[in-house]
C-alpha atoms as a PDB file:
ATOM      1  CA  MET A   1      30.470   9.301  -3.377  1.00  0.00           C
ATOM      2  CA  SER A   2      30.712  13.041  -2.738  1.00  0.00           C
ATOM      3  CA  ARG A   3      30.296  14.503   0.734  1.00  0.00           C
ATOM      4  CA  ALA A   4      27.073  16.227  -0.327  1.00  0.00           C
ATOM      5  CA  ALA A   5      25.599  12.998  -1.710  1.00  0.00           C
ATOM      6  CA  SER A   6      26.667  11.107   1.401  1.00  0.00           C
ATOM      7  CA  ALA A   7      25.080  13.731   3.672  1.00  0.00           C
ATOM      8  CA  THR A   8      21.863  13.674   1.640  1.00  0.00           C
ATOM      9  CA  MET A   9      21.672   9.873   1.830  1.00  0.00           C
ATOM     10  CA  GLN A  10      22.341   9.899   5.570  1.00  0.00           C
ATOM     11  CA  SER A  11      19.647  12.547   6.100  1.00  0.00           C
ATOM     12  CA  SER A  12      17.159  10.554   4.032  1.00  0.00           C
ATOM     13  CA  GLN A  13      17.905   7.373   5.990  1.00  0.00           C
ATOM     14  CA  GLN A  14      17.389   9.270   9.263  1.00  0.00           C
ATOM     15  CA  HIS A  15      14.014  10.534   8.007  1.00  0.00           C
ATOM     16  CA  THR A  16      13.094   6.975   7.011  1.00  0.00           C
ATOM     17  CA  ALA A  17      14.008   5.678  10.473  1.00  0.00           C
ATOM     18  CA  GLN A  18      11.977   8.444  12.109  1.00  0.00           C
ATOM     19  CA  GLY A  19       9.017   7.669   9.839  1.00  0.00           C
ATOM     20  CA  VAL A  20       9.169   3.972  10.680  1.00  0.00           C
ATOM     21  CA  SER A  21       9.275   4.737  14.416  1.00  0.00           C
ATOM     22  CA  MET A  22       6.312   7.097  14.071  1.00  0.00           C
ATOM     23  CA  ALA A  23       4.319   4.531  12.080  1.00  0.00           C
ATOM     24  CA  ALA A  24       5.004   1.885  14.732  1.00  0.00           C
ATOM     25  CA  LYS A  25       3.717   4.190  17.446  1.00  0.00           C
ATOM     26  CA  ILE A  26       0.616   5.185  15.487  1.00  0.00           C
ATOM     27  CA  LEU A  27      -0.218   1.588  14.606  1.00  0.00           C
ATOM     28  CA  ASN A  28       0.744   0.354  18.080  1.00  0.00           C
ATOM     29  CA  VAL A  29       2.949  -2.425  16.687  1.00  0.00           C
ATOM     30  CA  ASP A  30       6.504  -3.578  17.203  1.00  0.00           C
ATOM     31  CA  GLU A  31       8.763  -1.671  14.828  1.00  0.00           C
ATOM     32  CA  ALA A  32      10.500  -4.916  13.810  1.00  0.00           C
ATOM     33  CA  LYS A  33       7.188  -6.257  12.453  1.00  0.00           C
ATOM     34  CA  LEU A  34       6.609  -3.364  10.073  1.00  0.00           C
ATOM     35  CA  VAL A  35       7.107  -3.995   6.378  1.00  0.00           C
ATOM     36  CA  ARG A  36       9.132  -1.162   4.923  1.00  0.00           C
ATOM     37  CA  ALA A  37       7.595  -0.269   1.575  1.00  0.00           C
ATOM     38  CA  ALA A  38       7.007   2.795  -0.563  1.00  0.00           C
ATOM     39  CA  GLY A  39       5.069   3.781  -3.625  1.00  0.00           C
ATOM     40  CA  GLY A  40       3.027   6.581  -4.988  1.00  0.00           C
ATOM     41  CA  VAL A  41       0.075   7.870  -6.888  1.00  0.00           C
ATOM     42  CA  VAL A  42       1.109   7.970 -10.538  1.00  0.00           C
ATOM     43  CA  ARG A  43      -0.976  10.199 -12.767  1.00  0.00           C
ATOM     44  CA  ARG A  44      -0.974  11.359 -16.331  1.00  0.00           C
ATOM     45  CA  ASN A  45      -2.849  14.185 -17.947  1.00  0.00           C
ATOM     46  CA  GLY A  46      -4.304  13.248 -21.272  1.00  0.00           C
ATOM     47  CA  SER A  47      -4.699  15.731 -24.079  1.00  0.00           C
ATOM     48  CA  ARG A  48      -8.183  14.288 -24.515  1.00  0.00           C
ATOM     49  CA  GLY A  49     -10.294  13.681 -21.472  1.00  0.00           C
ATOM     50  CA  ALA A  50      -9.813  13.368 -17.761  1.00  0.00           C
ATOM     51  CA  MET A  51      -6.621  12.789 -15.830  1.00  0.00           C
ATOM     52  CA  ARG A  52      -5.765   9.106 -15.355  1.00  0.00           C
ATOM     53  CA  ILE A  53      -4.357   7.315 -12.312  1.00  0.00           C
ATOM     54  CA  ALA A  54      -2.268   4.111 -12.474  1.00  0.00           C
ATOM     55  CA  VAL A  55      -3.618   1.217 -10.415  1.00  0.00           C
ATOM     56  CA  VAL A  56      -2.120  -2.263 -10.325  1.00  0.00           C
ATOM     57  CA  HIS A  57      -3.572  -5.711  -9.720  1.00  0.00           C
ATOM     58  CA  ARG A  58      -1.657  -8.250  -7.648  1.00  0.00           C
ATOM     59  CA  PRO A  59      -2.992 -11.759  -8.301  1.00  0.00           C
ATOM     60  CA  GLY A  60      -1.414 -13.196  -5.143  1.00  0.00           C
ATOM     61  CA  TYR A  61      -3.564 -10.880  -3.036  1.00  0.00           C
ATOM     62  CA  ASP A  62      -6.319 -10.373  -5.638  1.00  0.00           C
ATOM     63  CA  ASP A  63      -6.255  -6.654  -4.865  1.00  0.00           C
ATOM     64  CA  TRP A  64      -6.005  -3.322  -6.656  1.00  0.00           C
ATOM     65  CA  SER A  65      -3.690  -0.657  -5.274  1.00  0.00           C
ATOM     66  CA  PHE A  66      -1.158   1.988  -6.218  1.00  0.00           C
ATOM     67  CA  PRO A  67       2.272   0.924  -7.534  1.00  0.00           C
ATOM     68  CA  LYS A  68       4.469   0.146  -4.529  1.00  0.00           C
ATOM     69  CA  GLY A  69       7.089  -2.251  -3.312  1.00  0.00           C
ATOM     70  CA  LYS A  70       9.358  -3.268  -0.486  1.00  0.00           C
ATOM     71  CA  VAL A  71      12.470  -1.250   0.319  1.00  0.00           C
ATOM     72  CA  ASP A  72      15.716  -2.941  -0.711  1.00  0.00           C
ATOM     73  CA  ARG A  73      18.702  -2.925   1.663  1.00  0.00           C
ATOM     74  CA  GLY A  74      20.413   0.464   1.651  1.00  0.00           C
ATOM     75  CA  GLU A  75      17.595   2.078  -0.317  1.00  0.00           C
ATOM     76  CA  THR A  76      15.626   5.132   0.804  1.00  0.00           C
ATOM     77  CA  LEU A  77      11.840   5.351   0.681  1.00  0.00           C
ATOM     78  CA  GLU A  78      12.134   7.877  -2.143  1.00  0.00           C
ATOM     79  CA  GLU A  79      14.361   5.537  -4.171  1.00  0.00           C
ATOM     80  CA  THR A  80      11.919   2.673  -3.636  1.00  0.00           C
ATOM     81  CA  ALA A  81       8.942   4.766  -4.746  1.00  0.00           C
ATOM     82  CA  LEU A  82      10.758   5.874  -7.891  1.00  0.00           C
ATOM     83  CA  ARG A  83      11.864   2.321  -8.692  1.00  0.00           C
ATOM     84  CA  GLU A  84       8.399   0.875  -8.179  1.00  0.00           C
ATOM     85  CA  ARG A  85       6.299   3.440 -10.012  1.00  0.00           C
ATOM     86  CA  PHE A  86       6.377   1.614 -13.349  1.00  0.00           C
ATOM     87  CA  ARG A  87       7.796  -1.733 -12.394  1.00  0.00           C
ATOM     88  CA  ALA A  88       5.568  -4.549 -13.533  1.00  0.00           C
ATOM     89  CA  GLY A  89       7.207  -7.402 -11.678  1.00  0.00           C
ATOM     90  CA  SER A  90       6.081 -10.896 -10.915  1.00  0.00           C
ATOM     91  CA  GLU A  91       3.626  -9.647  -8.303  1.00  0.00           C
ATOM     92  CA  ILE A  92       1.664  -7.553 -10.807  1.00  0.00           C
ATOM     93  CA  ASP A  93      -0.407  -8.981 -13.631  1.00  0.00           C
ATOM     94  CA  GLU A  94      -2.255  -5.856 -14.794  1.00  0.00           C
ATOM     95  CA  VAL A  95      -1.818  -2.087 -14.835  1.00  0.00           C
ATOM     96  CA  ARG A  96      -4.793   0.128 -15.585  1.00  0.00           C
ATOM     97  CA  TRP A  97      -4.914   3.857 -16.250  1.00  0.00           C
ATOM     98  CA  VAL A  98      -8.297   4.928 -14.908  1.00  0.00           C
ATOM     99  CA  THR A  99     -10.142   8.126 -14.030  1.00  0.00           C
ATOM    100  CA  ILE A 100     -10.164   9.241 -10.415  1.00  0.00           C
ATOM    101  CA  ASP A 101     -13.777   8.111 -10.007  1.00  0.00           C
ATOM    102  CA  ASP A 102     -12.970   4.697 -11.493  1.00  0.00           C
ATOM    103  CA  ALA A 103      -9.892   4.412  -9.247  1.00  0.00           C
ATOM    104  CA  LEU A 104     -12.039   5.134  -6.192  1.00  0.00           C
ATOM    105  CA  ASP A 105     -14.340   2.269  -7.231  1.00  0.00           C
ATOM    106  CA  LEU A 106     -11.502  -0.123  -8.124  1.00  0.00           C
ATOM    107  CA  LEU A 107      -9.028   0.359  -5.251  1.00  0.00           C
ATOM    108  CA  SER A 108      -9.276  -2.453  -2.695  1.00  0.00           C
ATOM    109  CA  TYR A 109      -8.146  -0.569   0.395  1.00  0.00           C
ATOM    110  CA  ARG A 110      -9.843   2.253   2.238  1.00  0.00           C
ATOM    111  CA  ARG A 111      -6.447   3.860   2.962  1.00  0.00           C
ATOM    112  CA  ASP A 112      -5.714   4.097  -0.778  1.00  0.00           C
ATOM    113  CA  ARG A 113      -9.105   5.664  -1.497  1.00  0.00           C
ATOM    114  CA  ALA A 114      -8.607   8.119   1.378  1.00  0.00           C
ATOM    115  CA  LEU A 115      -5.178   9.079   0.022  1.00  0.00           C
ATOM    116  CA  LEU A 116      -6.592   9.675  -3.435  1.00  0.00           C
ATOM    117  CA  ARG A 117      -9.389  11.849  -2.061  1.00  0.00           C
ATOM    118  CA  ALA A 118      -6.924  13.800   0.103  1.00  0.00           C
ATOM    119  CA  LEU A 119      -4.704  14.622  -2.853  1.00  0.00           C
ATOM    120  CA  ASP A 120      -7.548  16.409  -4.654  1.00  0.00           C
ATOM    121  CA  LEU A 121      -5.857  15.819  -7.988  1.00  0.00           C
ATOM    122  CA  GLU A 122      -8.643  17.276 -10.069  1.00  0.00           C
ATOM    123  CA  ALA A 123      -8.056  20.679  -8.478  1.00  0.00           C
ATOM    124  CA  THR A 124      -4.300  20.526  -9.064  1.00  0.00           C
ATOM    125  CA  GLY A 125      -4.310  18.671 -12.361  1.00  0.00           C
END
């Protein structure tokens, strides 16, 4: 591994550690109890019609959310998010590409709906 790549990885891991510590403080929980996971809002612009957002269904939780997954050992949050964006593993039984309005109705968690509203994708799409 080159020095530049090693420095970038070390910097990313430091940012991850800082983010985990901040999340623990905000949530008022023990840092060791936090589940380290990452994901993202995946969108596609269709040539016909409105922009679509990927949402996934997890039968074990019977919920709808954005693609996400747990961080593997030695992996950064960014690497996890990129790995998980289109991974349809054993925890996912359905992926839907829906409009923003449909996503807001379908998403199970308030935090996911708030994130989608905050991104204001229609304005940037």
